[in-house]
Amino acid sequence: MAIVKILVRHSPSYASLVRYILNEAKMSKAEIYTHNLRSDTIVGYVKEFIENEAFRRQSRSDQVYLFHEIISFNANEDSTALTPEIINDIAREYIRLRGIEGVILGAMHRDTEHVHLHFCVSALKFRTGTSFGLSKAKLHQLKIQIQNFHRQKYPEISQSFPQHGIGRPYVKDRAWQAAHRIDRARVKEQITGMVRICFAKATSQKEFLEFLREENFHYYERNGVPTGIEHDGTKFRFSRLLEAGQFETLPIDLTEEEKVLAEIRSIREQRAEKDRESREDREGEDIAR
């Protein structure tokens, strides 16, 4: 099946993720998918995600603002077989399985060896303020469901089905561990090179992370702080990819996120003021009677 990954973001970085997903160099305008969104521009989409966040009922310092969800197809797959119609069908089924209460923006990227879908998903259900997160059990169920849909409806897209252990001899644990260390070291060397190139160009932490996203490297966070790169299920800390403390030397530059948080507060205050005025009007009508 196509591989499903879900990355968590503890900062309101809607604008950067939406811009990345809708990067015209990576996609076709015909391959955009939305759910519970009315806009058709980047500015409009970002505003709607912010408005949905303003409905949050309970806030926490480590709260999740959004999810970056990815469906990847095998690099050996014939990309011409992945027609817009098939991709649209798979994307719509994924959105349905993920939940019709969600606020979701997605697009197909064809700029690398393998075709992949990217989704920006609000951490809250549409205008309810309640969580749209997934437990491990539900995430596993989602992967199985999209796998079954893919397998039953599009068996010809066969390179993206897992073939665990076919034609592979048994490998003793010690040999497997040694091979795994070699593979990890090779991958780490490649990632380290790209991370350092991005770091050399960046003038702030925000810009550094955007450069990484452009290279299809996605960071993970701990306690709301970007900590490293997650690649094919393996995590690599910035402290190991760069010199110790080097990432922290970049200016934080959270201007965009601070603006988002200020806008969320403003929307909540306006909503509270309207509710207060509405209550006062009702109370005035009761007195008049």
Protein backbone atom coordinates (compact mmCIF):
# COMPACT_ATOMS: atom_id res chain seq x y z
CA MET A 1 0.00 0.00 0.00
CA ALA A 2 0.99 3.63 -0.18
CA ILE A 3 2.79 4.70 3.00
CA VAL A 4 0.85 6.99 5.36
CA LYS A 5 2.75 9.32 7.70
CA ILE A 6 1.34 11.84 10.16
CA LEU A 7 3.61 14.59 11.52
CA VAL A 8 2.50 16.69 14.48
CA ARG A 9 3.02 20.45 14.76
CA HIS A 10 2.85 22.22 18.11
CA SER A 11 3.12 25.68 16.56
CA PRO A 12 0.48 27.49 14.44
CA SER A 13 2.58 27.27 11.26
CA TYR A 14 -0.45 27.13 8.94
CA ALA A 15 0.95 29.60 6.41
CA SER A 16 4.28 27.84 5.85
CA LEU A 17 2.67 24.41 5.46
CA VAL A 18 -0.09 25.67 3.15
CA ARG A 19 2.51 27.47 0.99
CA TYR A 20 4.59 24.29 0.83
CA ILE A 21 1.61 22.10 -0.10
CA LEU A 22 0.43 24.53 -2.78
CA ASN A 23 3.89 25.14 -4.25
CA GLU A 24 3.18 25.33 -8.00
CA ALA A 25 6.60 23.87 -8.82
CA LYS A 26 5.62 20.65 -7.06
CA MET A 27 2.03 20.17 -8.16
CA SER A 28 -0.73 20.66 -10.70
CA LYS A 29 -3.55 23.09 -9.87
CA ALA A 30 -6.00 20.38 -10.91
CA GLU A 31 -4.79 18.20 -8.02
CA ILE A 32 -5.95 20.18 -4.98
CA TYR A 33 -8.33 18.64 -2.44
CA THR A 34 -10.27 20.49 0.26
CA HIS A 35 -12.79 19.57 2.92
CA ASN A 36 -14.76 22.06 5.04
CA LEU A 37 -12.92 24.92 3.33
CA ARG A 38 -14.54 27.55 1.12
CA SER A 39 -11.52 29.53 -0.07
CA ASP A 40 -9.46 29.14 -3.23
CA THR A 41 -6.35 31.13 -2.28
CA ILE A 42 -3.45 30.55 0.11
CA VAL A 43 -4.43 33.59 2.20
CA GLY A 44 -8.02 32.38 2.38
CA TYR A 45 -7.09 28.83 3.40
CA VAL A 46 -4.75 30.08 6.14
CA LYS A 47 -7.45 32.41 7.49
CA GLU A 48 -9.95 29.55 7.68
CA PHE A 49 -7.51 27.32 9.59
CA ILE A 50 -6.90 30.18 12.04
CA GLU A 51 -10.64 30.78 12.46
CA ASN A 52 -11.18 27.09 13.19
CA GLU A 53 -8.41 27.16 15.81
CA ALA A 54 -10.21 30.05 17.52
CA PHE A 55 -13.02 27.64 18.46
CA ARG A 56 -10.64 25.65 20.74
CA ARG A 57 -12.27 24.96 24.08
CA GLN A 58 -9.21 24.10 26.14
CA SER A 59 -5.68 25.42 25.57
CA ARG A 60 -2.42 23.83 26.71
CA SER A 61 1.20 24.87 26.40
CA ASP A 62 2.00 21.70 24.42
CA GLN A 63 -1.18 21.63 22.35
CA VAL A 64 -1.22 20.44 18.74
CA TYR A 65 -2.30 23.04 16.16
CA LEU A 66 -2.16 21.00 12.98
CA PHE A 67 -1.07 17.78 11.34
CA HIS A 68 1.06 17.34 8.21
CA GLU A 69 -0.16 14.07 6.70
CA ILE A 70 1.57 12.37 3.77
CA ILE A 71 0.64 9.50 1.46
CA SER A 72 3.65 8.27 -0.54
CA PHE A 73 3.71 5.87 -3.48
CA ASN A 74 6.67 3.66 -4.30
CA ALA A 75 9.38 5.26 -6.46
CA ASN A 76 9.21 2.24 -8.79
CA GLU A 77 5.55 2.88 -9.52
CA ASP A 78 4.68 3.93 -13.07
CA SER A 79 3.74 7.57 -12.49
CA THR A 80 1.62 7.59 -15.67
CA ALA A 81 -0.63 4.97 -14.02
CA LEU A 82 -1.27 7.38 -11.17
CA THR A 83 -3.73 9.48 -13.18
CA PRO A 84 -5.42 12.57 -11.70
CA GLU A 85 -8.66 10.58 -11.55
CA ILE A 86 -7.10 7.76 -9.50
CA ILE A 87 -5.24 10.15 -7.23
CA ASN A 88 -8.42 12.17 -6.72
CA ASP A 89 -10.28 8.99 -5.76
CA ILE A 90 -7.60 7.91 -3.29
CA ALA A 91 -7.36 11.42 -1.81
CA ARG A 92 -11.13 11.69 -1.35
CA GLU A 93 -11.29 8.24 0.25
CA TYR A 94 -8.48 9.18 2.63
CA ILE A 95 -10.33 12.35 3.63
CA ARG A 96 -13.52 10.34 4.18
CA LEU A 97 -11.73 7.76 6.30
CA ARG A 98 -9.82 10.45 8.22
CA GLY A 99 -13.14 12.01 9.21
CA ILE A 100 -15.77 14.26 7.64
CA GLU A 101 -15.57 16.55 10.68
CA GLY A 102 -12.05 17.60 9.70
CA VAL A 103 -10.71 20.77 8.09
CA ILE A 104 -8.37 19.49 5.39
CA LEU A 105 -6.32 20.89 2.50
CA GLY A 106 -4.32 18.56 0.26
CA ALA A 107 -2.40 18.45 -3.00
CA MET A 108 -0.46 15.97 -5.11
CA HIS A 109 3.30 16.53 -5.57
CA ARG A 110 5.11 15.04 -8.56
CA ASP A 111 8.48 16.77 -8.19
CA THR A 112 10.46 13.82 -6.81
CA GLU A 113 11.07 10.19 -7.84
CA HIS A 114 7.91 9.08 -6.06
CA VAL A 115 4.46 10.62 -6.26
CA HIS A 116 3.07 11.75 -2.92
CA LEU A 117 0.04 13.50 -1.42
CA HIS A 118 0.40 16.16 1.27
CA PHE A 119 -2.41 17.27 3.59
CA CYS A 120 -2.65 20.14 6.07
CA VAL A 121 -5.17 19.01 8.71
CA SER A 122 -6.49 21.13 11.57
CA ALA A 123 -6.04 19.54 14.98
CA LEU A 124 -9.65 20.50 15.74
CA LYS A 125 -12.91 19.31 14.24
CA PHE A 126 -14.78 21.82 12.09
CA ARG A 127 -16.02 24.67 14.30
CA THR A 128 -16.46 22.55 17.44
CA GLY A 129 -13.21 23.23 19.30
CA THR A 130 -12.78 19.50 19.99
CA SER A 131 -9.80 17.34 19.08
CA PHE A 132 -9.37 15.78 15.64
CA GLY A 133 -6.34 13.76 16.70
CA LEU A 134 -5.79 10.03 16.23
CA SER A 135 -4.88 7.41 18.82
CA LYS A 136 -2.33 4.76 17.80
CA ALA A 137 -5.18 2.28 17.36
CA LYS A 138 -7.14 4.62 15.11
CA LEU A 139 -4.04 5.48 13.08
CA HIS A 140 -3.40 1.78 12.53
CA GLN A 141 -7.03 1.30 11.49
CA LEU A 142 -6.78 4.23 9.06
CA LYS A 143 -3.69 2.70 7.41
CA ILE A 144 -5.39 -0.68 7.06
CA GLN A 145 -8.54 0.89 5.59
CA ILE A 146 -6.72 2.95 2.96
CA GLN A 147 -4.58 -0.11 2.14
CA ASN A 148 -7.69 -2.25 1.57
CA PHE A 149 -9.27 0.46 -0.59
CA HIS A 150 -6.11 0.76 -2.69
CA ARG A 151 -5.67 -3.00 -3.03
CA GLN A 152 -9.27 -3.75 -3.98
CA LYS A 153 -9.89 -0.85 -6.37
CA TYR A 154 -6.47 -0.28 -7.95
CA PRO A 155 -4.53 -3.59 -7.84
CA GLU A 156 -2.64 -2.52 -10.98
CA ILE A 157 -0.74 0.04 -8.88
CA SER A 158 1.14 -2.90 -7.45
CA GLN A 159 4.58 -1.50 -6.54
CA SER A 160 3.11 0.36 -3.58
CA PHE A 161 1.88 -2.79 -1.85
CA PRO A 162 4.16 -4.13 0.89
CA GLN A 163 5.92 -7.40 0.10
CA HIS A 164 7.43 -8.26 3.45
CA GLY A 165 10.22 -10.78 3.25
CA ILE A 166 9.47 -12.07 -0.27
CA GLY A 167 12.59 -13.69 -1.73
CA ARG A 168 14.73 -12.64 1.22
CA PRO A 169 16.77 -15.19 3.16
CA TYR A 170 16.70 -15.29 6.93
CA VAL A 171 19.26 -12.94 8.45
CA LYS A 172 20.65 -13.50 11.93
CA ASP A 173 20.12 -10.68 14.40
CA ARG A 174 23.80 -9.71 14.59
CA ALA A 175 24.06 -9.47 10.78
CA TRP A 176 20.80 -7.52 10.59
CA GLN A 177 22.01 -5.06 13.22
CA ALA A 178 25.28 -4.52 11.34
CA ALA A 179 23.47 -3.93 8.02
CA HIS A 180 21.01 -1.61 9.74
CA ARG A 181 23.85 0.47 11.21
CA ILE A 182 25.46 0.80 7.77
CA ASP A 183 22.17 1.88 6.15
CA ARG A 184 21.46 4.37 8.92
CA ALA A 185 24.97 5.82 8.67
CA ARG A 186 24.58 6.29 4.89
CA VAL A 187 21.18 7.96 5.25
CA LYS A 188 22.44 10.15 8.09
CA GLU A 189 25.40 11.28 5.95
CA GLN A 190 23.03 12.33 3.14
CA ILE A 191 20.68 14.13 5.52
CA THR A 192 23.58 15.83 7.31
CA GLY A 193 24.86 17.27 4.03
CA MET A 194 21.48 18.74 3.10
CA VAL A 195 20.79 20.03 6.63
CA ARG A 196 24.10 21.88 6.67
CA ILE A 197 23.45 23.41 3.25
CA CYS A 198 20.05 24.66 4.47
CA PHE A 199 21.61 25.96 7.68
CA ALA A 200 24.28 27.88 5.77
CA LYS A 201 21.59 29.71 3.75
CA ALA A 202 19.23 30.43 6.65
CA THR A 203 19.08 33.68 8.61
CA SER A 204 16.54 32.42 11.18
CA GLN A 205 15.15 29.16 12.59
CA LYS A 206 11.95 29.72 10.65
CA GLU A 207 13.82 30.13 7.36
CA PHE A 208 15.98 27.08 8.11
CA LEU A 209 12.88 24.89 8.62
CA GLU A 210 11.31 26.24 5.43
CA PHE A 211 14.45 25.35 3.45
CA LEU A 212 14.26 21.82 4.87
CA ARG A 213 10.59 21.49 3.86
CA GLU A 214 11.46 22.55 0.32
CA GLU A 215 13.88 19.59 0.22
CA ASN A 216 11.08 17.32 1.51
CA PHE A 217 12.68 16.94 4.96
CA HIS A 218 10.14 17.29 7.75
CA TYR A 219 11.07 18.24 11.29
CA TYR A 220 9.63 16.87 14.51
CA GLU A 221 9.14 18.72 17.80
CA ARG A 222 9.54 18.09 21.50
CA ASN A 223 7.69 20.36 23.93
CA GLY A 224 6.82 22.62 21.01
CA VAL A 225 10.46 23.10 19.95
CA PRO A 226 11.82 21.84 16.57
CA THR A 227 14.27 19.08 17.51
CA GLY A 228 15.33 17.20 14.39
CA ILE A 229 14.46 15.49 11.11
CA GLU A 230 12.12 12.52 10.75
CA HIS A 231 12.93 10.42 7.68
CA ASP A 232 11.27 7.08 6.84
CA GLY A 233 10.28 6.57 10.46
CA THR A 234 13.75 7.36 11.85
CA LYS A 235 14.54 10.50 13.82
CA PHE A 236 17.80 12.46 13.55
CA ARG A 237 18.42 15.23 16.07
CA PHE A 238 19.71 18.63 14.95
CA SER A 239 22.29 18.33 17.75
CA ARG A 240 23.76 15.33 15.88
CA LEU A 241 23.38 16.74 12.36
CA LEU A 242 24.90 20.14 13.21
CA GLU A 243 27.46 21.29 15.74
CA ALA A 244 26.17 21.15 19.33
CA GLY A 245 23.91 24.14 20.00
CA GLN A 246 24.27 25.43 16.42
CA PHE A 247 20.54 25.37 15.63
CA GLU A 248 19.83 27.46 18.74
CA THR A 249 22.22 30.18 17.52
CA LEU A 250 19.79 31.09 14.73
CA PRO A 251 17.30 33.86 15.66
CA ILE A 252 13.92 32.36 16.55
CA ASP A 253 11.97 34.77 14.35
CA LEU A 254 8.44 33.70 15.30
CA THR A 255 6.86 36.81 13.82
CA GLU A 256 4.46 34.85 11.62
CA GLU A 257 3.38 32.56 14.46
CA GLU A 258 2.97 35.47 16.86
CA LYS A 259 0.68 37.14 14.33
CA VAL A 260 -1.37 33.96 14.07
CA LEU A 261 -1.72 33.71 17.86
CA ALA A 262 -2.72 37.37 18.05
CA GLU A 263 -5.34 36.82 15.35
CA ILE A 264 -6.72 33.79 17.19
CA ARG A 265 -7.02 35.87 20.40
CA SER A 266 -8.74 38.67 18.47
CA ILE A 267 -11.30 36.30 16.93
CA ARG A 268 -12.06 34.80 20.35
CA GLU A 269 -12.47 38.24 21.93
CA GLN A 270 -14.81 39.37 19.14
CA ARG A 271 -16.86 36.20 19.50
CA ALA A 272 -17.06 36.64 23.29
CA GLU A 273 -18.17 40.27 22.83
CA LYS A 274 -20.93 39.24 20.42
CA ASP A 275 -22.09 36.56 22.87
CA ARG A 276 -22.16 39.12 25.69
CA GLU A 277 -24.15 41.62 23.62
CA SER A 278 -26.57 38.88 22.60
CA ARG A 279 -27.14 37.90 26.25
CA GLU A 280 -27.73 41.53 27.23
CA ASP A 281 -30.24 41.96 24.43
CA ARG A 282 -32.15 38.87 25.56
CA GLU A 283 -32.10 40.03 29.18
CA GLY A 284 -33.41 43.45 28.09
CA GLU A 285 -36.26 41.84 26.22
CA ASP A 286 -37.18 39.76 29.28
CA ILE A 287 -37.29 42.88 31.49
CA ALA A 288 -39.44 44.73 28.96
CA ARG A 289 -41.98 41.93 29.11
